[in-house]
């Protein structure tokens, strides 16, 4: 897997702080030179900030486990089965 493919799959993990030090450095190095990955990081950060701004406002909430289903589907794999 290339650094670009790996970075694309780990953008949200990077922004959420779920990557270890070595993995963060790998993505940092790649995103400095890759327009697509740099743009992807900015987009995920903006989305995270926008969602954070909604925190505490009345409205719909994401069901528990939603990110466990969304991440696999975003990688082209099947989404995890929904639980009732």
PDB file of N, CA and C in Angstrom:
ATOM      1  N   UNK A   1       0.849  -1.167   0.000  1.00  0.00           N
ATOM      2  CA  UNK A   1       0.000   0.000   0.000  1.00  0.00           C
ATOM      3  C   UNK A   1       0.905   1.244   0.000  1.00  0.00           C
ATOM      4  N   UNK A   2       0.585   2.192  -0.839  1.00  0.00           N
ATOM      5  CA  UNK A   2       1.381   3.416  -0.908  1.00  0.00           C
ATOM      6  C   UNK A   2       1.076   4.325   0.279  1.00  0.00           C
ATOM      7  N   UNK A   3       1.972   5.293   0.521  1.00  0.00           N
ATOM      8  CA  UNK A   3       1.709   6.272   1.584  1.00  0.00           C
ATOM      9  C   UNK A   3       0.413   7.028   1.321  1.00  0.00           C
ATOM     10  N   UNK A   4       0.129   7.303   0.047  1.00  0.00           N
ATOM     11  CA  UNK A   4      -1.097   8.036  -0.279  1.00  0.00           C
ATOM     12  C   UNK A   4      -2.335   7.218   0.085  1.00  0.00           C
ATOM     13  N   UNK A   5      -2.361   5.963  -0.317  1.00  0.00           N
ATOM     14  CA  UNK A   5      -3.507   5.110   0.017  1.00  0.00           C
ATOM     15  C   UNK A   5      -3.659   4.980   1.526  1.00  0.00           C
ATOM     16  N   UNK A   6      -2.559   4.758   2.208  1.00  0.00           N
ATOM     17  CA  UNK A   6      -2.595   4.607   3.661  1.00  0.00           C
ATOM     18  C   UNK A   6      -3.101   5.889   4.315  1.00  0.00           C
ATOM     19  N   UNK A   7      -2.595   7.025   3.850  1.00  0.00           N
ATOM     20  CA  UNK A   7      -2.995   8.314   4.430  1.00  0.00           C
ATOM     21  C   UNK A   7      -4.478   8.574   4.221  1.00  0.00           C
ATOM     22  N   UNK A   8      -4.978   8.293   3.026  1.00  0.00           N
ATOM     23  CA  UNK A   8      -6.395   8.507   2.753  1.00  0.00           C
ATOM     24  C   UNK A   8      -7.278   7.692   3.707  1.00  0.00           C
ATOM     25  N   UNK A   9      -6.837   6.516   4.050  1.00  0.00           N
ATOM     26  CA  UNK A   9      -7.621   5.654   4.948  1.00  0.00           C
ATOM     27  C   UNK A   9      -7.531   6.065   6.417  1.00  0.00           C
ATOM     28  N   UNK A  10      -6.574   6.929   6.749  1.00  0.00           N
ATOM     29  CA  UNK A  10      -6.360   7.274   8.153  1.00  0.00           C
ATOM     30  C   UNK A  10      -6.559   8.756   8.475  1.00  0.00           C
ATOM     31  N   UNK A  11      -7.143   9.522   7.561  1.00  0.00           N
ATOM     32  CA  UNK A  11      -7.337  10.950   7.806  1.00  0.00           C
ATOM     33  C   UNK A  11      -8.183  11.210   9.050  1.00  0.00           C
ATOM     34  N   UNK A  12      -9.307  10.529   9.168  1.00  0.00           N
ATOM     35  CA  UNK A  12     -10.169  10.781  10.329  1.00  0.00           C
ATOM     36  C   UNK A  12      -9.513  10.304  11.617  1.00  0.00           C
ATOM     37  N   UNK A  13      -8.771   9.212  11.559  1.00  0.00           N
ATOM     38  CA  UNK A  13      -8.060   8.732  12.745  1.00  0.00           C
ATOM     39  C   UNK A  13      -7.029   9.770  13.201  1.00  0.00           C
ATOM     40  N   UNK A  14      -6.366  10.389  12.234  1.00  0.00           N
ATOM     41  CA  UNK A  14      -5.373  11.421  12.530  1.00  0.00           C
ATOM     42  C   UNK A  14      -6.035  12.593  13.260  1.00  0.00           C
ATOM     43  N   UNK A  15      -7.111  13.110  12.686  1.00  0.00           N
ATOM     44  CA  UNK A  15      -7.795  14.272  13.261  1.00  0.00           C
ATOM     45  C   UNK A  15      -8.369  13.948  14.632  1.00  0.00           C
ATOM     46  N   UNK A  16      -8.853  12.739  14.819  1.00  0.00           N
ATOM     47  CA  UNK A  16      -9.434  12.332  16.096  1.00  0.00           C
ATOM     48  C   UNK A  16      -8.378  11.999  17.142  1.00  0.00           C
ATOM     49  N   UNK A  17      -7.105  11.967  16.739  1.00  0.00           N
ATOM     50  CA  UNK A  17      -6.035  11.667  17.683  1.00  0.00           C
ATOM     51  C   UNK A  17      -5.887  10.184  17.975  1.00  0.00           C
ATOM     52  N   UNK A  18      -6.377   9.345  17.060  1.00  0.00           N
ATOM     53  CA  UNK A  18      -6.350   7.901  17.273  1.00  0.00           C
ATOM     54  C   UNK A  18      -5.112   7.214  16.708  1.00  0.00           C
ATOM     55  N   UNK A  19      -4.164   7.980  16.176  1.00  0.00           N
ATOM     56  CA  UNK A  19      -2.953   7.377  15.622  1.00  0.00           C
ATOM     57  C   UNK A  19      -1.794   7.523  16.601  1.00  0.00           C
ATOM     58  N   UNK A  20      -0.922   6.546  16.593  1.00  0.00           N
ATOM     59  CA  UNK A  20       0.287   6.625  17.394  1.00  0.00           C
ATOM     60  C   UNK A  20       1.274   7.615  16.796  1.00  0.00           C
ATOM     61  N   UNK A  21       2.342   7.854  17.507  1.00  0.00           N
ATOM     62  CA  UNK A  21       3.334   8.860  17.107  1.00  0.00           C
ATOM     63  C   UNK A  21       3.938   8.560  15.729  1.00  0.00           C
ATOM     64  N   UNK A  22       4.319   7.321  15.494  1.00  0.00           N
ATOM     65  CA  UNK A  22       4.924   6.953  14.214  1.00  0.00           C
ATOM     66  C   UNK A  22       3.930   7.156  13.062  1.00  0.00           C
ATOM     67  N   UNK A  23       2.699   6.723  13.256  1.00  0.00           N
ATOM     68  CA  UNK A  23       1.674   6.858  12.218  1.00  0.00           C
ATOM     69  C   UNK A  23       1.358   8.328  11.952  1.00  0.00           C
ATOM     70  N   UNK A  24       1.313   9.145  13.006  1.00  0.00           N
ATOM     71  CA  UNK A  24       1.064  10.586  12.817  1.00  0.00           C
ATOM     72  C   UNK A  24       2.180  11.218  11.991  1.00  0.00           C
ATOM     73  N   UNK A  25       3.421  10.851  12.285  1.00  0.00           N
ATOM     74  CA  UNK A  25       4.549  11.394  11.516  1.00  0.00           C
ATOM     75  C   UNK A  25       4.467  10.962  10.061  1.00  0.00           C
ATOM     76  N   UNK A  26       4.090   9.720   9.836  1.00  0.00           N
ATOM     77  CA  UNK A  26       3.960   9.229   8.457  1.00  0.00           C
ATOM     78  C   UNK A  26       2.945  10.060   7.692  1.00  0.00           C
ATOM     79  N   UNK A  27       1.798  10.302   8.299  1.00  0.00           N
ATOM     80  CA  UNK A  27       0.763  11.068   7.628  1.00  0.00           C
ATOM     81  C   UNK A  27       1.178  12.536   7.487  1.00  0.00           C
ATOM     82  N   UNK A  28       1.805  13.098   8.516  1.00  0.00           N
ATOM     83  CA  UNK A  28       2.306  14.484   8.436  1.00  0.00           C
ATOM     84  C   UNK A  28       3.234  14.659   7.241  1.00  0.00           C
ATOM     85  N   UNK A  29       4.205  13.768   7.124  1.00  0.00           N
ATOM     86  CA  UNK A  29       5.186  13.866   6.028  1.00  0.00           C
ATOM     87  C   UNK A  29       4.505  13.785   4.673  1.00  0.00           C
ATOM     88  N   UNK A  30       3.577  12.864   4.543  1.00  0.00           N
ATOM     89  CA  UNK A  30       2.898  12.701   3.256  1.00  0.00           C
ATOM     90  C   UNK A  30       2.006  13.907   2.948  1.00  0.00           C
ATOM     91  N   UNK A  31       1.246  14.369   3.924  1.00  0.00           N
ATOM     92  CA  UNK A  31       0.292  15.464   3.688  1.00  0.00           C
ATOM     93  C   UNK A  31       0.983  16.778   3.357  1.00  0.00           C
ATOM     94  N   UNK A  32       2.226  16.955   3.795  1.00  0.00           N
ATOM     95  CA  UNK A  32       2.966  18.177   3.443  1.00  0.00           C
ATOM     96  C   UNK A  32       3.166  18.299   1.946  1.00  0.00           C
ATOM     97  N   UNK A  33       3.355  17.167   1.271  1.00  0.00           N
ATOM     98  CA  UNK A  33       3.655  17.173  -0.157  1.00  0.00           C
ATOM     99  C   UNK A  33       2.481  16.772  -1.046  1.00  0.00           C
ATOM    100  N   UNK A  34       1.429  16.249  -0.456  1.00  0.00           N
ATOM    101  CA  UNK A  34       0.290  15.758  -1.236  1.00  0.00           C
ATOM    102  C   UNK A  34      -0.890  16.717  -1.097  1.00  0.00           C
ATOM    103  N   UNK A  35      -1.257  17.343  -2.197  1.00  0.00           N
ATOM    104  CA  UNK A  35      -2.367  18.301  -2.186  1.00  0.00           C
ATOM    105  C   UNK A  35      -3.664  17.626  -1.739  1.00  0.00           C
ATOM    106  N   UNK A  36      -3.936  16.431  -2.257  1.00  0.00           N
ATOM    107  CA  UNK A  36      -5.179  15.738  -1.916  1.00  0.00           C
ATOM    108  C   UNK A  36      -5.274  15.409  -0.429  1.00  0.00           C
ATOM    109  N   UNK A  37      -4.195  14.907   0.143  1.00  0.00           N
ATOM    110  CA  UNK A  37      -4.236  14.538   1.564  1.00  0.00           C
ATOM    111  C   UNK A  37      -4.245  15.775   2.460  1.00  0.00           C
ATOM    112  N   UNK A  38      -3.530  16.823   2.072  1.00  0.00           N
ATOM    113  CA  UNK A  38      -3.594  18.076   2.830  1.00  0.00           C
ATOM    114  C   UNK A  38      -5.007  18.627   2.832  1.00  0.00           C
ATOM    115  N   UNK A  39      -5.650  18.594   1.664  1.00  0.00           N
ATOM    116  CA  UNK A  39      -7.035  19.058   1.539  1.00  0.00           C
ATOM    117  C   UNK A  39      -7.967  18.155   2.345  1.00  0.00           C
ATOM    118  N   UNK A  40      -7.707  16.856   2.310  1.00  0.00           N
ATOM    119  CA  UNK A  40      -8.529  15.918   3.076  1.00  0.00           C
ATOM    120  C   UNK A  40      -8.445  16.171   4.568  1.00  0.00           C
ATOM    121  N   UNK A  41      -7.242  16.449   5.074  1.00  0.00           N
ATOM    122  CA  UNK A  41      -7.086  16.774   6.503  1.00  0.00           C
ATOM    123  C   UNK A  41      -7.867  18.022   6.867  1.00  0.00           C
ATOM    124  N   UNK A  42      -7.764  19.042   6.021  1.00  0.00           N
ATOM    125  CA  UNK A  42      -8.500  20.285   6.302  1.00  0.00           C
ATOM    126  C   UNK A  42     -10.002  20.038   6.289  1.00  0.00           C
ATOM    127  N   UNK A  43     -10.481  19.210   5.369  1.00  0.00           N
ATOM    128  CA  UNK A  43     -11.915  18.914   5.287  1.00  0.00           C
ATOM    129  C   UNK A  43     -12.403  18.156   6.515  1.00  0.00           C
ATOM    130  N   UNK A  44     -11.643  17.166   6.961  1.00  0.00           N
ATOM    131  CA  UNK A  44     -12.049  16.392   8.142  1.00  0.00           C
ATOM    132  C   UNK A  44     -12.026  17.284   9.383  1.00  0.00           C
ATOM    133  N   UNK A  45     -11.012  18.144   9.495  1.00  0.00           N
ATOM    134  CA  UNK A  45     -10.963  19.086  10.624  1.00  0.00           C
ATOM    135  C   UNK A  45     -12.170  20.021  10.603  1.00  0.00           C
ATOM    136  N   UNK A  46     -12.496  20.559   9.434  1.00  0.00           N
ATOM    137  CA  UNK A  46     -13.632  21.483   9.321  1.00  0.00           C
ATOM    138  C   UNK A  46     -14.932  20.775   9.696  1.00  0.00           C
ATOM    139  N   UNK A  47     -15.095  19.550   9.233  1.00  0.00           N
ATOM    140  CA  UNK A  47     -16.298  18.785   9.568  1.00  0.00           C
ATOM    141  C   UNK A  47     -16.368  18.527  11.070  1.00  0.00           C
ATOM    142  N   UNK A  48     -15.253  18.157  11.661  1.00  0.00           N
ATOM    143  CA  UNK A  48     -15.207  17.896  13.099  1.00  0.00           C
ATOM    144  C   UNK A  48     -15.551  19.158  13.888  1.00  0.00           C
ATOM    145  N   UNK A  49     -15.016  20.292  13.459  1.00  0.00           N
ATOM    146  CA  UNK A  49     -15.323  21.556  14.139  1.00  0.00           C
ATOM    147  C   UNK A  49     -16.792  21.920  13.978  1.00  0.00           C
ATOM    148  N   UNK A  50     -17.335  21.718  12.781  1.00  0.00           N
ATOM    149  CA  UNK A  50     -18.748  22.029  12.543  1.00  0.00           C
ATOM    150  C   UNK A  50     -19.647  21.155  13.409  1.00  0.00           C
ATOM    151  N   UNK A  51     -19.291  19.884  13.507  1.00  0.00           N
ATOM    152  CA  UNK A  51     -20.083  18.987  14.342  1.00  0.00           C
ATOM    153  C   UNK A  51     -19.956  19.358  15.822  1.00  0.00           C
ATOM    154  N   UNK A  52     -18.757  19.779  16.210  1.00  0.00           N
ATOM    155  CA  UNK A  52     -18.555  20.205  17.588  1.00  0.00           C
ATOM    156  C   UNK A  52     -19.361  21.435  17.925  1.00  0.00           C
ATOM    157  N   UNK A  53     -19.562  22.318  16.948  1.00  0.00           N
ATOM    158  CA  UNK A  53     -20.360  23.520  17.168  1.00  0.00           C
ATOM    159  C   UNK A  53     -21.826  23.177  17.408  1.00  0.00           C
ATOM    160  N   UNK A  54     -22.248  22.036  16.917  1.00  0.00           N
ATOM    161  CA  UNK A  54     -23.632  21.604  17.112  1.00  0.00           C
ATOM    162  C   UNK A  54     -23.851  20.965  18.479  1.00  0.00           C
ATOM    163  N   UNK A  55     -22.767  20.624  19.161  1.00  0.00           N
ATOM    164  CA  UNK A  55     -22.873  19.963  20.455  1.00  0.00           C
ATOM    165  C   UNK A  55     -23.707  20.810  21.410  1.00  0.00           C
ATOM    166  N   UNK A  56     -24.663  20.218  22.005  1.00  0.00           N
ATOM    167  CA  UNK A  56     -25.497  20.915  22.970  1.00  0.00           C
ATOM    168  C   UNK A  56     -26.737  21.536  22.357  1.00  0.00           C
ATOM    169  N   UNK A  57     -26.807  21.629  21.047  1.00  0.00           N
ATOM    170  CA  UNK A  57     -28.003  22.158  20.404  1.00  0.00           C
ATOM    171  C   UNK A  57     -29.053  21.060  20.314  1.00  0.00           C
ATOM    172  N   UNK A  58     -30.296  21.448  20.399  1.00  0.00           N
ATOM    173  CA  UNK A  58     -31.367  20.470  20.261  1.00  0.00           C
ATOM    174  C   UNK A  58     -31.369  19.946  18.831  1.00  0.00           C
ATOM    175  N   UNK A  59     -31.572  18.699  18.687  1.00  0.00           N
ATOM    176  CA  UNK A  59     -31.624  18.126  17.354  1.00  0.00           C
ATOM    177  C   UNK A  59     -31.268  16.659  17.375  1.00  0.00           C
ATOM    178  N   UNK A  60     -31.169  16.077  16.204  1.00  0.00           N
ATOM    179  CA  UNK A  60     -30.884  14.641  16.143  1.00  0.00           C
ATOM    180  C   UNK A  60     -29.450  14.346  16.567  1.00  0.00           C
ATOM    181  N   UNK A  61     -29.263  13.202  17.158  1.00  0.00           N
ATOM    182  CA  UNK A  61     -27.942  12.758  17.585  1.00  0.00           C
ATOM    183  C   UNK A  61     -27.579  11.505  16.816  1.00  0.00           C
ATOM    184  N   UNK A  62     -26.300  11.304  16.604  1.00  0.00           N
ATOM    185  CA  UNK A  62     -25.834  10.092  15.926  1.00  0.00           C
ATOM    186  C   UNK A  62     -26.046   8.905  16.850  1.00  0.00           C
ATOM    187  N   UNK A  63     -26.599   7.834  16.324  1.00  0.00           N
ATOM    188  CA  UNK A  63     -26.796   6.650  17.155  1.00  0.00           C
ATOM    189  C   UNK A  63     -25.463   6.053  17.590  1.00  0.00           C
ATOM    190  N   UNK A  64     -25.479   5.385  18.705  1.00  0.00           N
ATOM    191  CA  UNK A  64     -24.265   4.729  19.204  1.00  0.00           C
ATOM    192  C   UNK A  64     -23.732   3.771  18.157  1.00  0.00           C
ATOM    193  N   UNK A  65     -22.436   3.790  17.963  1.00  0.00           N
ATOM    194  CA  UNK A  65     -21.796   2.869  17.035  1.00  0.00           C
ATOM    195  C   UNK A  65     -21.833   3.293  15.578  1.00  0.00           C
ATOM    196  N   UNK A  66     -22.316   4.496  15.285  1.00  0.00           N
ATOM    197  CA  UNK A  66     -22.442   4.917  13.887  1.00  0.00           C
ATOM    198  C   UNK A  66     -21.089   4.927  13.179  1.00  0.00           C
ATOM    199  N   UNK A  67     -20.038   5.377  13.862  1.00  0.00           N
ATOM    200  CA  UNK A  67     -18.736   5.458  13.210  1.00  0.00           C
ATOM    201  C   UNK A  67     -18.161   4.072  12.941  1.00  0.00           C
ATOM    202  N   UNK A  68     -18.530   3.090  13.739  1.00  0.00           N
ATOM    203  CA  UNK A  68     -18.095   1.721  13.483  1.00  0.00           C
ATOM    204  C   UNK A  68     -18.696   1.187  12.190  1.00  0.00           C
ATOM    205  N   UNK A  69     -19.865   1.692  11.814  1.00  0.00           N
ATOM    206  CA  UNK A  69     -20.501   1.264  10.573  1.00  0.00           C
ATOM    207  C   UNK A  69     -20.046   2.108   9.393  1.00  0.00           C
ATOM    208  N   UNK A  70     -19.786   3.386   9.611  1.00  0.00           N
ATOM    209  CA  UNK A  70     -19.453   4.295   8.516  1.00  0.00           C
ATOM    210  C   UNK A  70     -18.039   4.061   8.001  1.00  0.00           C
ATOM    211  N   UNK A  71     -17.066   3.892   8.881  1.00  0.00           N
ATOM    212  CA  UNK A  71     -15.680   3.730   8.441  1.00  0.00           C
ATOM    213  C   UNK A  71     -15.499   2.559   7.479  1.00  0.00           C
ATOM    214  N   UNK A  72     -16.000   1.339   7.800  1.00  0.00           N
ATOM    215  CA  UNK A  72     -15.820   0.235   6.845  1.00  0.00           C
ATOM    216  C   UNK A  72     -16.515   0.519   5.513  1.00  0.00           C
ATOM    217  N   UNK A  73     -17.674   1.138   5.545  1.00  0.00           N
ATOM    218  CA  UNK A  73     -18.394   1.441   4.312  1.00  0.00           C
ATOM    219  C   UNK A  73     -17.621   2.456   3.482  1.00  0.00           C
ATOM    220  N   UNK A  74     -16.964   3.393   4.121  1.00  0.00           N
ATOM    221  CA  UNK A  74     -16.182   4.398   3.420  1.00  0.00           C
ATOM    222  C   UNK A  74     -14.947   3.826   2.753  1.00  0.00           C
ATOM    223  N   UNK A  75     -14.467   2.703   3.220  1.00  0.00           N
ATOM    224  CA  UNK A  75     -13.307   2.049   2.624  1.00  0.00           C
ATOM    225  C   UNK A  75     -13.711   1.108   1.499  1.00  0.00           C
ATOM    226  N   UNK A  76     -14.989   1.102   1.169  1.00  0.00           N
ATOM    227  CA  UNK A  76     -15.443   0.240   0.101  1.00  0.00           C
ATOM    228  C   UNK A  76     -15.860  -1.139   0.565  1.00  0.00           C
ATOM    229  N   UNK A  77     -15.806  -1.362   1.871  1.00  0.00           N
ATOM    230  CA  UNK A  77     -16.213  -2.637   2.423  1.00  0.00           C
ATOM    231  C   UNK A  77     -17.652  -2.569   2.890  1.00  0.00           C
ATOM    232  N   UNK A  78     -18.166  -3.677   3.293  1.00  0.00           N
ATOM    233  CA  UNK A  78     -19.547  -3.673   3.792  1.00  0.00           C
ATOM    234  C   UNK A  78     -19.624  -2.978   5.149  1.00  0.00           C
ATOM    235  N   UNK A  79     -20.685  -2.288   5.368  1.00  0.00           N
ATOM    236  CA  UNK A  79     -20.915  -1.663   6.661  1.00  0.00           C
ATOM    237  C   UNK A  79     -21.208  -2.752   7.678  1.00  0.00           C
ATOM    238  N   UNK A  80     -20.806  -2.502   8.915  1.00  0.00           N
ATOM    239  CA  UNK A  80     -21.121  -3.452   9.982  1.00  0.00           C
ATOM    240  C   UNK A  80     -22.638  -3.527  10.146  1.00  0.00           C
ATOM    241  N   UNK A  81     -23.160  -4.676  10.477  1.00  0.00           N
ATOM    242  CA  UNK A  81     -24.607  -4.791  10.637  1.00  0.00           C
ATOM    243  C   UNK A  81     -25.131  -3.895  11.754  1.00  0.00           C
ATOM    244  N   UNK A  82     -26.291  -3.357  11.521  1.00  0.00           N
ATOM    245  CA  UNK A  82     -26.919  -2.501  12.523  1.00  0.00           C
ATOM    246  C   UNK A  82     -27.488  -3.361  13.639  1.00  0.00           C
ATOM    247  N   UNK A  83     -27.400  -2.804  14.855  1.00  0.00           N
ATOM    248  CA  UNK A  83     -28.000  -3.494  15.998  1.00  0.00           C
ATOM    249  C   UNK A  83     -29.204  -2.700  16.437  1.00  0.00           C
ATOM    250  N   UNK A  84     -30.179  -3.382  16.932  1.00  0.00           N
ATOM    251  CA  UNK A  84     -31.416  -2.708  17.345  1.00  0.00           C
ATOM    252  C   UNK A  84     -31.281  -2.129  18.712  1.00  0.00           C
TER     253      UNK A  84
END
